[in-house]
Amino acid sequence: PVANATISPGPLSHQVHTGDPVTLRCSVQVGSAPVTFTWLHKGQEVARGPLLELGDVDVGHSGTYQCVATNQLDGQRVFRALSPELALEVTPQGHGDTVAAGVGGSLLFLVLLVGVIVAWHRRHRVGGAPPEPLAPSEEGEVLYTRVVCTKQAG
């Protein structure tokens, strides 16, 4: 006989996102070989074998899953063990992640834009081209600078 069929990974409710790979395993604590496994999704048979590989899931994979373990004794008596139901909830990838990425990208663009504007203004100040760099001074040389007023008094 077979007994204590279980599905792993537990717990009895499992939440995943669309695109996540999901594989369920059915096992029994008691059972003489050969044990066969049948998978039910929402009460309908969907697969046979100890593993149920759903691949990259979508919302259509949501619902309850059960495993039925079966074996025969003496070629005549059939024993079945039904696992507890596992409720799988597949949720779409959150739009919050998309919005956060969009806002982050917009902020980065604005910061870069402000940096370009500030750099442009520093380079093109009122009063003309940037001052030419001074030649390196020699020891003992006196440098004179001239002051240019850009505003007239009065």
Protein backbone atom coordinates (compact mmCIF):
# COMPACT_ATOMS: atom_id res chain seq x y z
CA PRO A 1 0.00 0.00 0.00
CA VAL A 2 0.94 3.67 -0.35
CA ALA A 3 0.44 6.43 2.23
CA ASN A 4 1.24 10.05 3.03
CA ALA A 5 1.61 11.51 -0.44
CA THR A 6 3.08 15.02 -0.27
CA ILE A 7 3.95 17.78 -2.71
CA SER A 8 7.13 19.78 -2.40
CA PRO A 9 8.03 22.54 -2.28
CA GLY A 10 5.45 23.33 0.40
CA PRO A 11 3.69 25.15 2.07
CA LEU A 12 0.12 24.42 1.00
CA SER A 13 -0.11 27.79 -0.75
CA HIS A 14 2.60 29.00 -3.05
CA GLN A 15 2.81 32.41 -4.76
CA VAL A 16 4.98 32.96 -7.83
CA HIS A 17 5.27 35.54 -10.61
CA THR A 18 4.62 35.05 -14.31
CA GLY A 19 7.75 33.78 -16.01
CA ASP A 20 9.06 32.01 -12.89
CA PRO A 21 10.09 28.38 -13.48
CA VAL A 22 8.07 26.00 -11.28
CA THR A 23 8.66 22.29 -10.67
CA LEU A 24 6.59 20.29 -8.17
CA ARG A 25 7.64 16.92 -6.74
CA CYS A 26 5.33 14.24 -5.38
CA SER A 27 6.60 11.66 -2.92
CA VAL A 28 5.21 9.07 -0.51
CA GLN A 29 6.44 8.11 2.94
CA VAL A 30 5.12 4.57 2.61
CA GLY A 31 4.79 2.57 -0.57
CA SER A 32 6.13 -0.59 -2.12
CA ALA A 33 7.38 -0.38 -5.69
CA PRO A 34 6.23 0.27 -8.28
CA VAL A 35 4.47 3.51 -7.30
CA THR A 36 2.93 5.61 -10.06
CA PHE A 37 2.11 9.29 -9.73
CA THR A 38 -0.67 11.24 -11.39
CA TRP A 39 -1.00 15.04 -11.22
CA LEU A 40 -4.31 16.86 -11.00
CA HIS A 41 -4.82 20.57 -11.71
CA LYS A 42 -8.22 21.84 -10.59
CA GLY A 43 -9.32 18.20 -10.36
CA GLN A 44 -8.30 17.29 -13.94
CA GLU A 45 -5.41 14.96 -14.78
CA VAL A 46 -2.56 16.93 -16.35
CA ALA A 47 0.54 14.72 -16.10
CA ARG A 48 2.08 11.48 -14.84
CA GLY A 49 5.34 10.94 -12.99
CA PRO A 50 6.87 12.14 -9.72
CA LEU A 51 7.79 15.58 -11.17
CA LEU A 52 5.42 18.15 -12.59
CA GLU A 53 7.49 20.66 -14.55
CA LEU A 54 5.37 23.69 -15.34
CA GLY A 55 8.25 25.64 -16.88
CA ASP A 56 7.86 29.42 -17.02
CA VAL A 57 4.39 29.85 -15.54
CA ASP A 58 1.64 32.24 -16.54
CA VAL A 59 -1.63 33.18 -14.86
CA GLY A 60 -3.32 30.10 -16.40
CA HIS A 61 -1.21 27.87 -14.14
CA SER A 62 -2.95 29.26 -11.03
CA GLY A 63 -5.20 26.90 -9.10
CA THR A 64 -5.03 23.80 -6.95
CA TYR A 65 -2.64 20.92 -7.60
CA GLN A 66 -2.83 17.41 -6.17
CA CYS A 67 -0.82 14.29 -6.62
CA VAL A 68 -2.30 10.78 -6.59
CA ALA A 69 0.16 8.00 -5.71
CA THR A 70 -0.92 4.50 -6.74
CA ASN A 71 0.44 0.98 -6.44
CA GLN A 72 -0.89 -2.56 -6.75
CA LEU A 73 -0.55 -5.48 -4.41
CA ASP A 74 -0.80 -9.03 -5.75
CA GLY A 75 -1.67 -7.63 -9.18
CA GLN A 76 -5.29 -7.14 -8.06
CA ARG A 77 -5.65 -4.77 -5.11
CA VAL A 78 -5.02 -1.09 -5.96
CA PHE A 79 -4.00 1.41 -3.30
CA ARG A 80 -4.18 5.19 -3.71
CA ALA A 81 -2.89 8.05 -1.61
CA LEU A 82 -4.08 11.59 -2.40
CA SER A 83 -1.82 14.47 -1.37
CA PRO A 84 -3.18 17.61 0.26
CA GLU A 85 -4.02 20.32 -2.28
CA LEU A 86 -1.37 22.87 -3.09
CA ALA A 87 -2.82 26.25 -4.07
CA LEU A 88 -0.57 27.92 -6.64
CA GLU A 89 -1.14 31.62 -7.26
CA VAL A 90 0.59 33.13 -10.28
CA THR A 91 0.64 36.92 -10.22
CA PRO A 92 1.71 39.18 -13.09
CA GLN A 93 5.06 40.91 -12.70
CA GLY A 94 4.35 44.05 -10.71
CA HIS A 95 3.82 47.28 -12.59
CA GLY A 96 5.34 48.97 -9.53
CA ASP A 97 8.75 47.72 -10.66
CA THR A 98 8.19 49.22 -14.11
CA VAL A 99 7.02 52.54 -12.67
CA ALA A 100 9.98 52.69 -10.29
CA ALA A 101 12.40 52.01 -13.14
CA GLY A 102 10.70 54.68 -15.26
CA VAL A 103 10.88 57.27 -12.49
CA GLY A 104 14.50 56.38 -11.76
CA GLY A 105 15.41 56.70 -15.43
CA SER A 106 13.65 60.07 -15.68
CA LEU A 107 15.45 61.39 -12.61
CA LEU A 108 18.80 60.28 -13.99
CA PHE A 109 18.04 62.04 -17.28
CA LEU A 110 17.08 65.26 -15.47
CA VAL A 111 20.26 65.22 -13.37
CA LEU A 112 22.38 64.75 -16.50
CA LEU A 113 20.47 67.50 -18.32
CA VAL A 114 20.98 69.97 -15.46
CA GLY A 115 24.69 69.09 -15.41
CA VAL A 116 25.00 69.79 -19.14
CA ILE A 117 23.18 73.12 -18.77
CA VAL A 118 25.37 74.22 -15.85
CA ALA A 119 28.54 73.23 -17.73
CA TRP A 120 27.35 75.12 -20.83
CA HIS A 121 26.61 78.25 -18.80
CA ARG A 122 30.00 78.14 -17.11
CA ARG A 123 31.72 77.83 -20.45
CA HIS A 124 29.69 80.57 -22.14
CA ARG A 125 29.54 83.19 -19.43
CA VAL A 126 28.42 86.71 -20.24
CA GLY A 127 31.50 88.63 -21.24
CA GLY A 128 32.86 86.33 -23.90
CA ALA A 129 35.16 83.41 -24.14
CA PRO A 130 36.78 81.83 -21.14
CA PRO A 131 39.99 83.51 -20.00
CA GLU A 132 43.16 82.21 -21.55
CA PRO A 133 45.39 80.31 -19.19
CA LEU A 134 48.38 82.20 -17.84
CA ALA A 135 51.84 81.17 -18.89
CA PRO A 136 53.79 79.60 -16.09
CA SER A 137 55.63 82.25 -14.13
CA GLU A 138 59.35 82.29 -13.69
CA GLU A 139 60.95 82.81 -10.36
CA GLY A 140 61.24 86.48 -9.46
CA GLU A 141 58.82 87.59 -12.20
CA VAL A 142 55.98 89.89 -11.23
CA LEU A 143 52.60 89.27 -12.83
CA TYR A 144 50.14 92.07 -13.45
CA THR A 145 46.48 91.54 -14.07
CA ARG A 146 44.00 94.01 -15.30
CA VAL A 147 40.47 94.35 -13.95
CA VAL A 148 37.65 94.79 -16.42
CA CYS A 149 34.39 96.28 -15.15
CA THR A 150 31.32 94.88 -16.86
CA LYS A 151 28.87 97.28 -15.20
CA GLN A 152 29.08 101.04 -15.39
CA ALA A 153 28.38 103.05 -12.28
CA GLY A 154 25.44 105.41 -12.34
